[in-house]
Amino acid sequence: MPITADSPKPALRVADVGHAYGARRALDGVSFDVPVGGFTVLLGLNGAGKSTLFALITRLYDAREGRIEVFGHDVARLPGEALRRLGVVFQQRTVDLDLSVMQNLTYHAALHGIAGAEGRRRATLMLEWFDLSDRRKDKVRNLSGGQMRRVEIARALLHRPNLLLLDEATVGLDIRSRADIIGHVRRLVSEEGIGVLWATHLIEEVEPQDRVVILHQGRILSEGPVTEVVSQHGGRDIRSVFAALTGADRPRAASEAAA
């Protein structure tokens, strides 16, 4: 599955982005980069603005404040160039439960102009990558939650994007399924060089080698490599830093909140 991202530009650049729902500011001056071939965690509690930001990046909403670029392509001015480099897995599942696993993938491939034998070939490769080959003929409704998520990630990669966005991809999954999903995505980064923005409220999904963007009430409180963020704020670990920055009463608050 040759996913390459040989570019001096960041995979994603968010520059001074703001968004409001009427009088309520959902995002305010948000700026950060996602590097090529890196795993970046967008960490925030319920209402932080993570899903709003994803909607702006993917053009479900128009970004009227600031600028968003995917590999240097402005999503407002050159949406086609930007979005074809992007794969997305939203928090709400979007697979068709009454189609088979293979039908879900080949239908999505056709939407990207990848039809016929090539669409089936890519779908087959994705099913092998995500250990789903033996479920290819099964209706999606008969899969476990973790398997459905793997289908969605496989589907998002069919057009070979260089950047993958995942919004709360492990919500509702058991510990084993969560570990399986995040392991597959981290392998995409290490072996295929894809850039990832992983939005979550679960601090335990952050690892020391990651970059982290702490988003709280629409503002970036800190961002950078995890070890640098922890050192900068004098914390024991990312959990204690997150609790201190967001004013959480207990360090475990982030793990118990709903995104």
C-alpha atoms as a PDB file:
ATOM      1  CA  MET A   1       0.000   0.000   0.000  1.00  0.00           C
ATOM      2  CA  PRO A   2       2.339   2.756  -1.206  1.00  0.00           C
ATOM      3  CA  ILE A   3       1.360   5.913   0.649  1.00  0.00           C
ATOM      4  CA  THR A   4       4.094   8.488   0.232  1.00  0.00           C
ATOM      5  CA  ALA A   5       4.324  12.049   1.473  1.00  0.00           C
ATOM      6  CA  ASP A   6       7.579  13.530   0.216  1.00  0.00           C
ATOM      7  CA  SER A   7       6.980  17.222   0.806  1.00  0.00           C
ATOM      8  CA  PRO A   8       8.725  20.064   2.680  1.00  0.00           C
ATOM      9  CA  LYS A   9       5.327  21.449   3.678  1.00  0.00           C
ATOM     10  CA  PRO A  10       3.399  20.161   6.698  1.00  0.00           C
ATOM     11  CA  ALA A  11       0.675  17.656   5.984  1.00  0.00           C
ATOM     12  CA  LEU A  12      -1.802  20.037   7.634  1.00  0.00           C
ATOM     13  CA  ARG A  13      -1.470  23.690   8.593  1.00  0.00           C
ATOM     14  CA  VAL A  14      -4.160  25.386  10.675  1.00  0.00           C
ATOM     15  CA  ALA A  15      -3.467  29.116  10.949  1.00  0.00           C
ATOM     16  CA  ASP A  16      -5.438  31.463  13.218  1.00  0.00           C
ATOM     17  CA  VAL A  17      -8.711  29.632  12.591  1.00  0.00           C
ATOM     18  CA  GLY A  18     -11.866  30.781  14.350  1.00  0.00           C
ATOM     19  CA  HIS A  19     -15.506  29.772  14.165  1.00  0.00           C
ATOM     20  CA  ALA A  20     -18.691  30.834  15.915  1.00  0.00           C
ATOM     21  CA  TYR A  21     -22.205  29.485  16.266  1.00  0.00           C
ATOM     22  CA  GLY A  22     -24.095  32.716  16.655  1.00  0.00           C
ATOM     23  CA  ALA A  23     -22.640  34.472  19.682  1.00  0.00           C
ATOM     24  CA  ARG A  24     -20.785  31.386  20.922  1.00  0.00           C
ATOM     25  CA  ARG A  25     -17.138  31.077  19.927  1.00  0.00           C
ATOM     26  CA  ALA A  26     -16.381  27.432  19.191  1.00  0.00           C
ATOM     27  CA  LEU A  27     -12.808  28.100  17.999  1.00  0.00           C
ATOM     28  CA  ASP A  28     -10.647  31.150  18.597  1.00  0.00           C
ATOM     29  CA  GLY A  29      -7.286  31.725  16.925  1.00  0.00           C
ATOM     30  CA  VAL A  30      -6.398  28.042  16.554  1.00  0.00           C
ATOM     31  CA  SER A  31      -2.977  27.424  14.976  1.00  0.00           C
ATOM     32  CA  PHE A  32      -0.862  24.280  14.684  1.00  0.00           C
ATOM     33  CA  ASP A  33       0.835  22.000  12.128  1.00  0.00           C
ATOM     34  CA  VAL A  34       0.633  18.259  11.554  1.00  0.00           C
ATOM     35  CA  PRO A  35       3.974  17.070  10.154  1.00  0.00           C
ATOM     36  CA  VAL A  36       4.365  14.648   7.280  1.00  0.00           C
ATOM     37  CA  GLY A  37       4.740  11.101   8.561  1.00  0.00           C
ATOM     38  CA  GLY A  38       3.894  12.023  12.148  1.00  0.00           C
ATOM     39  CA  PHE A  39       1.224  11.119  14.699  1.00  0.00           C
ATOM     40  CA  THR A  40      -0.382  14.227  16.202  1.00  0.00           C
ATOM     41  CA  VAL A  41      -2.980  13.974  18.966  1.00  0.00           C
ATOM     42  CA  LEU A  42      -5.675  16.633  19.221  1.00  0.00           C
ATOM     43  CA  LEU A  43      -6.560  16.267  22.891  1.00  0.00           C
ATOM     44  CA  GLY A  44      -9.612  17.924  24.414  1.00  0.00           C
ATOM     45  CA  LEU A  45     -12.654  17.432  26.595  1.00  0.00           C
ATOM     46  CA  ASN A  46     -16.307  17.637  25.606  1.00  0.00           C
ATOM     47  CA  GLY A  47     -17.005  20.952  23.896  1.00  0.00           C
ATOM     48  CA  ALA A  48     -13.351  21.722  23.236  1.00  0.00           C
ATOM     49  CA  GLY A  49     -14.019  22.266  19.517  1.00  0.00           C
ATOM     50  CA  LYS A  50     -12.408  19.144  18.046  1.00  0.00           C
ATOM     51  CA  SER A  51     -15.347  18.142  15.839  1.00  0.00           C
ATOM     52  CA  THR A  52     -15.888  21.746  14.724  1.00  0.00           C
ATOM     53  CA  LEU A  53     -12.268  21.905  13.620  1.00  0.00           C
ATOM     54  CA  PHE A  54     -12.645  18.658  11.665  1.00  0.00           C
ATOM     55  CA  ALA A  55     -15.745  20.059   9.968  1.00  0.00           C
ATOM     56  CA  LEU A  56     -13.751  23.120   8.878  1.00  0.00           C
ATOM     57  CA  ILE A  57     -10.791  21.085   7.624  1.00  0.00           C
ATOM     58  CA  THR A  58     -13.078  18.844   5.561  1.00  0.00           C
ATOM     59  CA  ARG A  59     -15.223  21.773   4.351  1.00  0.00           C
ATOM     60  CA  LEU A  60     -18.444  20.630   5.964  1.00  0.00           C
ATOM     61  CA  TYR A  61     -18.332  24.215   7.228  1.00  0.00           C
ATOM     62  CA  ASP A  62     -16.597  27.141   5.557  1.00  0.00           C
ATOM     63  CA  ALA A  63     -13.664  28.592   7.494  1.00  0.00           C
ATOM     64  CA  ARG A  64     -14.336  32.325   7.529  1.00  0.00           C
ATOM     65  CA  GLU A  65     -11.520  33.132   9.937  1.00  0.00           C
ATOM     66  CA  GLY A  66      -7.968  32.027   9.304  1.00  0.00           C
ATOM     67  CA  ARG A  67      -6.508  29.590   6.826  1.00  0.00           C
ATOM     68  CA  ILE A  68      -6.322  25.804   6.524  1.00  0.00           C
ATOM     69  CA  GLU A  69      -3.880  24.091   4.165  1.00  0.00           C
ATOM     70  CA  VAL A  70      -3.369  20.442   3.256  1.00  0.00           C
ATOM     71  CA  PHE A  71       0.129  19.974   1.821  1.00  0.00           C
ATOM     72  CA  GLY A  72       0.166  23.665   0.974  1.00  0.00           C
ATOM     73  CA  HIS A  73      -3.232  23.691  -0.735  1.00  0.00           C
ATOM     74  CA  ASP A  74      -5.744  26.114   0.761  1.00  0.00           C
ATOM     75  CA  VAL A  75      -8.976  24.202   1.443  1.00  0.00           C
ATOM     76  CA  ALA A  76     -11.021  27.326   0.701  1.00  0.00           C
ATOM     77  CA  ARG A  77      -9.411  28.259  -2.619  1.00  0.00           C
ATOM     78  CA  LEU A  78      -8.315  24.828  -3.878  1.00  0.00           C
ATOM     79  CA  PRO A  79     -10.646  22.358  -2.156  1.00  0.00           C
ATOM     80  CA  GLY A  80     -10.222  19.640  -4.776  1.00  0.00           C
ATOM     81  CA  GLU A  81      -6.429  19.645  -4.530  1.00  0.00           C
ATOM     82  CA  ALA A  82      -6.571  19.734  -0.732  1.00  0.00           C
ATOM     83  CA  LEU A  83      -9.266  17.142  -0.103  1.00  0.00           C
ATOM     84  CA  ARG A  84      -7.937  14.504  -2.495  1.00  0.00           C
ATOM     85  CA  ARG A  85      -4.878  14.265  -0.238  1.00  0.00           C
ATOM     86  CA  LEU A  86      -7.082  13.735   2.807  1.00  0.00           C
ATOM     87  CA  GLY A  87      -8.793  10.698   4.339  1.00  0.00           C
ATOM     88  CA  VAL A  88     -11.316  11.137   7.147  1.00  0.00           C
ATOM     89  CA  VAL A  89     -12.964   8.960   9.776  1.00  0.00           C
ATOM     90  CA  PHE A  90     -15.696  10.886  11.598  1.00  0.00           C
ATOM     91  CA  GLN A  91     -16.920  10.183  15.110  1.00  0.00           C
ATOM     92  CA  GLN A  92     -20.327   9.028  13.873  1.00  0.00           C
ATOM     93  CA  ARG A  93     -20.141   5.826  11.842  1.00  0.00           C
ATOM     94  CA  THR A  94     -20.959   6.253   8.156  1.00  0.00           C
ATOM     95  CA  VAL A  95     -20.727   2.716   6.789  1.00  0.00           C
ATOM     96  CA  ASP A  96     -23.792   1.182   5.123  1.00  0.00           C
ATOM     97  CA  LEU A  97     -24.872  -1.602   7.471  1.00  0.00           C
ATOM     98  CA  ASP A  98     -26.792  -3.499   4.783  1.00  0.00           C
ATOM     99  CA  LEU A  99     -23.909  -3.729   2.321  1.00  0.00           C
ATOM    100  CA  SER A 100     -21.080  -6.193   2.622  1.00  0.00           C
ATOM    101  CA  VAL A 101     -17.634  -5.086   3.715  1.00  0.00           C
ATOM    102  CA  MET A 102     -16.330  -5.338   0.137  1.00  0.00           C
ATOM    103  CA  GLN A 103     -19.354  -3.485  -1.261  1.00  0.00           C
ATOM    104  CA  ASN A 104     -18.794  -0.618   1.163  1.00  0.00           C
ATOM    105  CA  LEU A 105     -15.204  -0.287   0.015  1.00  0.00           C
ATOM    106  CA  THR A 106     -15.759  -0.635  -3.727  1.00  0.00           C
ATOM    107  CA  TYR A 107     -18.687   1.793  -3.662  1.00  0.00           C
ATOM    108  CA  HIS A 108     -16.530   4.372  -1.911  1.00  0.00           C
ATOM    109  CA  ALA A 109     -13.690   3.752  -4.348  1.00  0.00           C
ATOM    110  CA  ALA A 110     -16.051   4.421  -7.253  1.00  0.00           C
ATOM    111  CA  LEU A 111     -17.007   7.757  -5.697  1.00  0.00           C
ATOM    112  CA  HIS A 112     -13.321   8.664  -5.959  1.00  0.00           C
ATOM    113  CA  GLY A 113     -13.200   7.591  -9.601  1.00  0.00           C
ATOM    114  CA  ILE A 114     -11.559   4.260  -8.800  1.00  0.00           C
ATOM    115  CA  ALA A 115     -13.917   1.766 -10.378  1.00  0.00           C
ATOM    116  CA  GLY A 116     -13.885  -1.804 -11.642  1.00  0.00           C
ATOM    117  CA  ALA A 117     -10.855  -4.025 -11.186  1.00  0.00           C
ATOM    118  CA  GLU A 118      -8.685  -1.286  -9.691  1.00  0.00           C
ATOM    119  CA  GLY A 119     -11.281  -0.509  -7.038  1.00  0.00           C
ATOM    120  CA  ARG A 120     -11.557  -4.189  -6.122  1.00  0.00           C
ATOM    121  CA  ARG A 121      -7.769  -4.539  -6.057  1.00  0.00           C
ATOM    122  CA  ARG A 122      -7.339  -1.631  -3.673  1.00  0.00           C
ATOM    123  CA  ALA A 123     -10.207  -2.838  -1.493  1.00  0.00           C
ATOM    124  CA  THR A 124      -8.612  -6.286  -1.292  1.00  0.00           C
ATOM    125  CA  LEU A 125      -5.287  -4.766  -0.228  1.00  0.00           C
ATOM    126  CA  MET A 126      -7.000  -2.708   2.457  1.00  0.00           C
ATOM    127  CA  LEU A 127      -8.856  -5.726   3.809  1.00  0.00           C
ATOM    128  CA  GLU A 128      -5.568  -7.600   4.056  1.00  0.00           C
ATOM    129  CA  TRP A 129      -3.902  -4.664   5.804  1.00  0.00           C
ATOM    130  CA  PHE A 130      -6.678  -4.449   8.403  1.00  0.00           C
ATOM    131  CA  ASP A 131      -7.073  -8.224   8.876  1.00  0.00           C
ATOM    132  CA  LEU A 132     -10.586  -8.261   7.439  1.00  0.00           C
ATOM    133  CA  SER A 133     -10.168 -10.509   4.408  1.00  0.00           C
ATOM    134  CA  ASP A 134     -12.251 -13.263   5.959  1.00  0.00           C
ATOM    135  CA  ARG A 135     -15.166 -10.831   6.506  1.00  0.00           C
ATOM    136  CA  ARG A 136     -15.260  -9.370   2.998  1.00  0.00           C
ATOM    137  CA  LYS A 137     -18.648 -10.912   2.122  1.00  0.00           C
ATOM    138  CA  ASP A 138     -20.278 -10.252   5.502  1.00  0.00           C
ATOM    139  CA  LYS A 139     -22.798  -7.483   5.940  1.00  0.00           C
ATOM    140  CA  VAL A 140     -21.303  -4.678   8.021  1.00  0.00           C
ATOM    141  CA  ARG A 141     -24.107  -4.930  10.576  1.00  0.00           C
ATOM    142  CA  ASN A 142     -22.730  -8.339  11.557  1.00  0.00           C
ATOM    143  CA  LEU A 143     -19.300  -6.959  12.494  1.00  0.00           C
ATOM    144  CA  SER A 144     -18.112  -5.893  15.918  1.00  0.00           C
ATOM    145  CA  GLY A 145     -17.645  -2.194  16.667  1.00  0.00           C
ATOM    146  CA  GLY A 146     -13.894  -2.489  16.281  1.00  0.00           C
ATOM    147  CA  GLN A 147     -14.238  -4.255  12.948  1.00  0.00           C
ATOM    148  CA  MET A 148     -16.606  -1.536  11.698  1.00  0.00           C
ATOM    149  CA  ARG A 149     -14.018   1.077  12.609  1.00  0.00           C
ATOM    150  CA  ARG A 150     -11.357  -0.832  10.695  1.00  0.00           C
ATOM    151  CA  VAL A 151     -13.651  -0.892   7.658  1.00  0.00           C
ATOM    152  CA  GLU A 152     -14.077   2.880   7.912  1.00  0.00           C
ATOM    153  CA  ILE A 153     -10.333   3.478   8.157  1.00  0.00           C
ATOM    154  CA  ALA A 154      -9.702   1.104   5.245  1.00  0.00           C
ATOM    155  CA  ARG A 155     -12.313   2.962   3.227  1.00  0.00           C
ATOM    156  CA  ALA A 156     -10.715   6.329   4.030  1.00  0.00           C
ATOM    157  CA  LEU A 157      -7.388   5.077   2.634  1.00  0.00           C
ATOM    158  CA  LEU A 158      -8.633   3.719  -0.700  1.00  0.00           C
ATOM    159  CA  HIS A 159      -7.691   6.852  -2.658  1.00  0.00           C
ATOM    160  CA  ARG A 160      -4.215   6.826  -1.067  1.00  0.00           C
ATOM    161  CA  PRO A 161      -4.312  10.061   0.898  1.00  0.00           C
ATOM    162  CA  ASN A 162      -1.194  11.449   2.555  1.00  0.00           C
ATOM    163  CA  LEU A 163      -3.080  12.718   5.600  1.00  0.00           C
ATOM    164  CA  LEU A 164      -5.609  10.865   7.750  1.00  0.00           C
ATOM    165  CA  LEU A 165      -7.968  12.574  10.203  1.00  0.00           C
ATOM    166  CA  LEU A 166      -9.719  10.489  12.857  1.00  0.00           C
ATOM    167  CA  ASP A 167     -12.287  12.018  15.203  1.00  0.00           C
ATOM    168  CA  GLU A 168     -12.767   9.930  18.372  1.00  0.00           C
ATOM    169  CA  ALA A 169     -12.170   6.734  16.406  1.00  0.00           C
ATOM    170  CA  THR A 170     -12.215   4.501  19.503  1.00  0.00           C
ATOM    171  CA  VAL A 171     -15.341   5.833  21.248  1.00  0.00           C
ATOM    172  CA  GLY A 172     -17.552   2.989  22.446  1.00  0.00           C
ATOM    173  CA  LEU A 173     -14.948   0.283  21.868  1.00  0.00           C
ATOM    174  CA  ASP A 174     -13.551  -2.089  24.463  1.00  0.00           C
ATOM    175  CA  ILE A 175      -9.915  -1.864  25.537  1.00  0.00           C
ATOM    176  CA  ARG A 176      -8.714  -4.578  23.161  1.00  0.00           C
ATOM    177  CA  SER A 177     -10.504  -3.074  20.143  1.00  0.00           C
ATOM    178  CA  ARG A 178      -9.183   0.388  21.008  1.00  0.00           C
ATOM    179  CA  ALA A 179      -5.621  -0.920  21.172  1.00  0.00           C
ATOM    180  CA  ASP A 180      -6.098  -2.733  17.860  1.00  0.00           C
ATOM    181  CA  ILE A 181      -7.386   0.373  16.047  1.00  0.00           C
ATOM    182  CA  ILE A 182      -4.726   2.725  17.340  1.00  0.00           C
ATOM    183  CA  GLY A 183      -2.051   0.105  16.620  1.00  0.00           C
ATOM    184  CA  HIS A 184      -3.126  -0.121  12.977  1.00  0.00           C
ATOM    185  CA  VAL A 185      -3.060   3.658  12.605  1.00  0.00           C
ATOM    186  CA  ARG A 186       0.346   4.017  14.236  1.00  0.00           C
ATOM    187  CA  ARG A 187       1.642   1.363  11.840  1.00  0.00           C
ATOM    188  CA  LEU A 188       0.431   3.509   8.924  1.00  0.00           C
ATOM    189  CA  VAL A 189       2.607   6.321  10.241  1.00  0.00           C
ATOM    190  CA  SER A 190       5.728   4.234  10.828  1.00  0.00           C
ATOM    191  CA  GLU A 191       5.554   2.014   7.751  1.00  0.00           C
ATOM    192  CA  GLU A 192       3.732   4.133   5.159  1.00  0.00           C
ATOM    193  CA  GLY A 193       4.739   7.673   6.135  1.00  0.00           C
ATOM    194  CA  ILE A 194       1.192   8.961   6.365  1.00  0.00           C
ATOM    195  CA  GLY A 195       0.472  11.990   8.552  1.00  0.00           C
ATOM    196  CA  VAL A 196      -2.234  11.501  11.198  1.00  0.00           C
ATOM    197  CA  LEU A 197      -4.351  13.868  13.260  1.00  0.00           C
ATOM    198  CA  TRP A 198      -5.973  11.766  15.987  1.00  0.00           C
ATOM    199  CA  ALA A 199      -8.668  13.603  17.960  1.00  0.00           C
ATOM    200  CA  THR A 200      -9.466  12.098  21.352  1.00  0.00           C
ATOM    201  CA  HIS A 201     -10.492  12.798  24.935  1.00  0.00           C
ATOM    202  CA  LEU A 202      -8.566   9.752  26.174  1.00  0.00           C
ATOM    203  CA  ILE A 203      -5.175  10.704  27.585  1.00  0.00           C
ATOM    204  CA  GLU A 204      -4.049   7.083  27.620  1.00  0.00           C
ATOM    205  CA  GLU A 205      -4.045   7.168  23.796  1.00  0.00           C
ATOM    206  CA  VAL A 206      -1.183   9.694  23.883  1.00  0.00           C
ATOM    207  CA  GLU A 207       2.348   8.262  23.770  1.00  0.00           C
ATOM    208  CA  PRO A 208       5.637  10.037  24.592  1.00  0.00           C
ATOM    209  CA  GLN A 209       6.823  10.103  20.962  1.00  0.00           C
ATOM    210  CA  ASP A 210       3.666  11.881  19.736  1.00  0.00           C
ATOM    211  CA  ARG A 211       2.994  15.519  19.110  1.00  0.00           C
ATOM    212  CA  VAL A 212       0.055  16.814  21.123  1.00  0.00           C
ATOM    213  CA  VAL A 213      -2.280  19.771  20.636  1.00  0.00           C
ATOM    214  CA  ILE A 214      -4.270  20.553  23.787  1.00  0.00           C
ATOM    215  CA  LEU A 215      -7.537  22.214  22.809  1.00  0.00           C
ATOM    216  CA  HIS A 216      -9.815  23.606  25.506  1.00  0.00           C
ATOM    217  CA  GLN A 217     -12.915  25.747  25.044  1.00  0.00           C
ATOM    218  CA  GLY A 218     -11.884  26.570  21.490  1.00  0.00           C
ATOM    219  CA  ARG A 219      -8.317  27.658  22.282  1.00  0.00           C
ATOM    220  CA  ILE A 220      -4.944  25.964  22.005  1.00  0.00           C
ATOM    221  CA  LEU A 221      -3.414  25.823  25.485  1.00  0.00           C
ATOM    222  CA  SER A 222      -0.210  24.046  24.493  1.00  0.00           C
ATOM    223  CA  GLU A 223       1.203  22.126  21.536  1.00  0.00           C
ATOM    224  CA  GLY A 224       4.357  20.347  20.498  1.00  0.00           C
ATOM    225  CA  PRO A 225       6.150  17.060  21.207  1.00  0.00           C
ATOM    226  CA  VAL A 226       4.709  15.435  24.330  1.00  0.00           C
ATOM    227  CA  THR A 227       8.023  15.464  26.188  1.00  0.00           C
ATOM    228  CA  GLU A 228       8.477  19.194  25.503  1.00  0.00           C
ATOM    229  CA  VAL A 229       4.929  20.070  26.568  1.00  0.00           C
ATOM    230  CA  VAL A 230       5.380  18.162  29.823  1.00  0.00           C
ATOM    231  CA  SER A 231       8.748  19.821  30.481  1.00  0.00           C
ATOM    232  CA  GLN A 232       7.474  23.293  29.595  1.00  0.00           C
ATOM    233  CA  HIS A 233       4.659  23.075  32.124  1.00  0.00           C
ATOM    234  CA  GLY A 234       6.658  21.317  34.821  1.00  0.00           C
ATOM    235  CA  GLY A 235       4.369  18.301  34.946  1.00  0.00           C
ATOM    236  CA  ARG A 236       4.987  14.685  35.846  1.00  0.00           C
ATOM    237  CA  ASP A 237       3.380  13.460  32.644  1.00  0.00           C
ATOM    238  CA  ILE A 238       0.886  14.546  29.984  1.00  0.00           C
ATOM    239  CA  ARG A 239      -2.031  13.545  32.214  1.00  0.00           C
ATOM    240  CA  SER A 240      -1.022  15.918  35.001  1.00  0.00           C
ATOM    241  CA  VAL A 241      -0.279  18.723  32.528  1.00  0.00           C
ATOM    242  CA  PHE A 242      -3.650  18.327  30.826  1.00  0.00           C
ATOM    243  CA  ALA A 243      -5.457  18.369  34.174  1.00  0.00           C
ATOM    244  CA  ALA A 244      -3.615  21.510  35.266  1.00  0.00           C
ATOM    245  CA  LEU A 245      -4.142  23.390  32.004  1.00  0.00           C
ATOM    246  CA  THR A 246      -7.836  22.610  31.674  1.00  0.00           C
ATOM    247  CA  GLY A 247      -8.657  23.046  35.348  1.00  0.00           C
ATOM    248  CA  ALA A 248      -9.924  19.485  35.668  1.00  0.00           C
ATOM    249  CA  ASP A 249     -10.601  18.492  39.279  1.00  0.00           C
ATOM    250  CA  ARG A 250      -8.968  15.115  38.833  1.00  0.00           C
ATOM    251  CA  PRO A 251      -6.301  13.854  36.404  1.00  0.00           C
ATOM    252  CA  ARG A 252      -8.683  11.153  35.176  1.00  0.00           C
ATOM    253  CA  ALA A 253     -11.348  13.653  34.119  1.00  0.00           C
ATOM    254  CA  ALA A 254     -10.283  13.551  30.484  1.00  0.00           C
ATOM    255  CA  SER A 255     -10.706   9.793  30.316  1.00  0.00           C
ATOM    256  CA  GLU A 256     -14.189   9.924  31.805  1.00  0.00           C
ATOM    257  CA  ALA A 257     -15.596  12.752  29.714  1.00  0.00           C
ATOM    258  CA  ALA A 258     -17.545  12.201  26.526  1.00  0.00           C
ATOM    259  CA  ALA A 259     -16.123  13.917  23.463  1.00  0.00           C
END
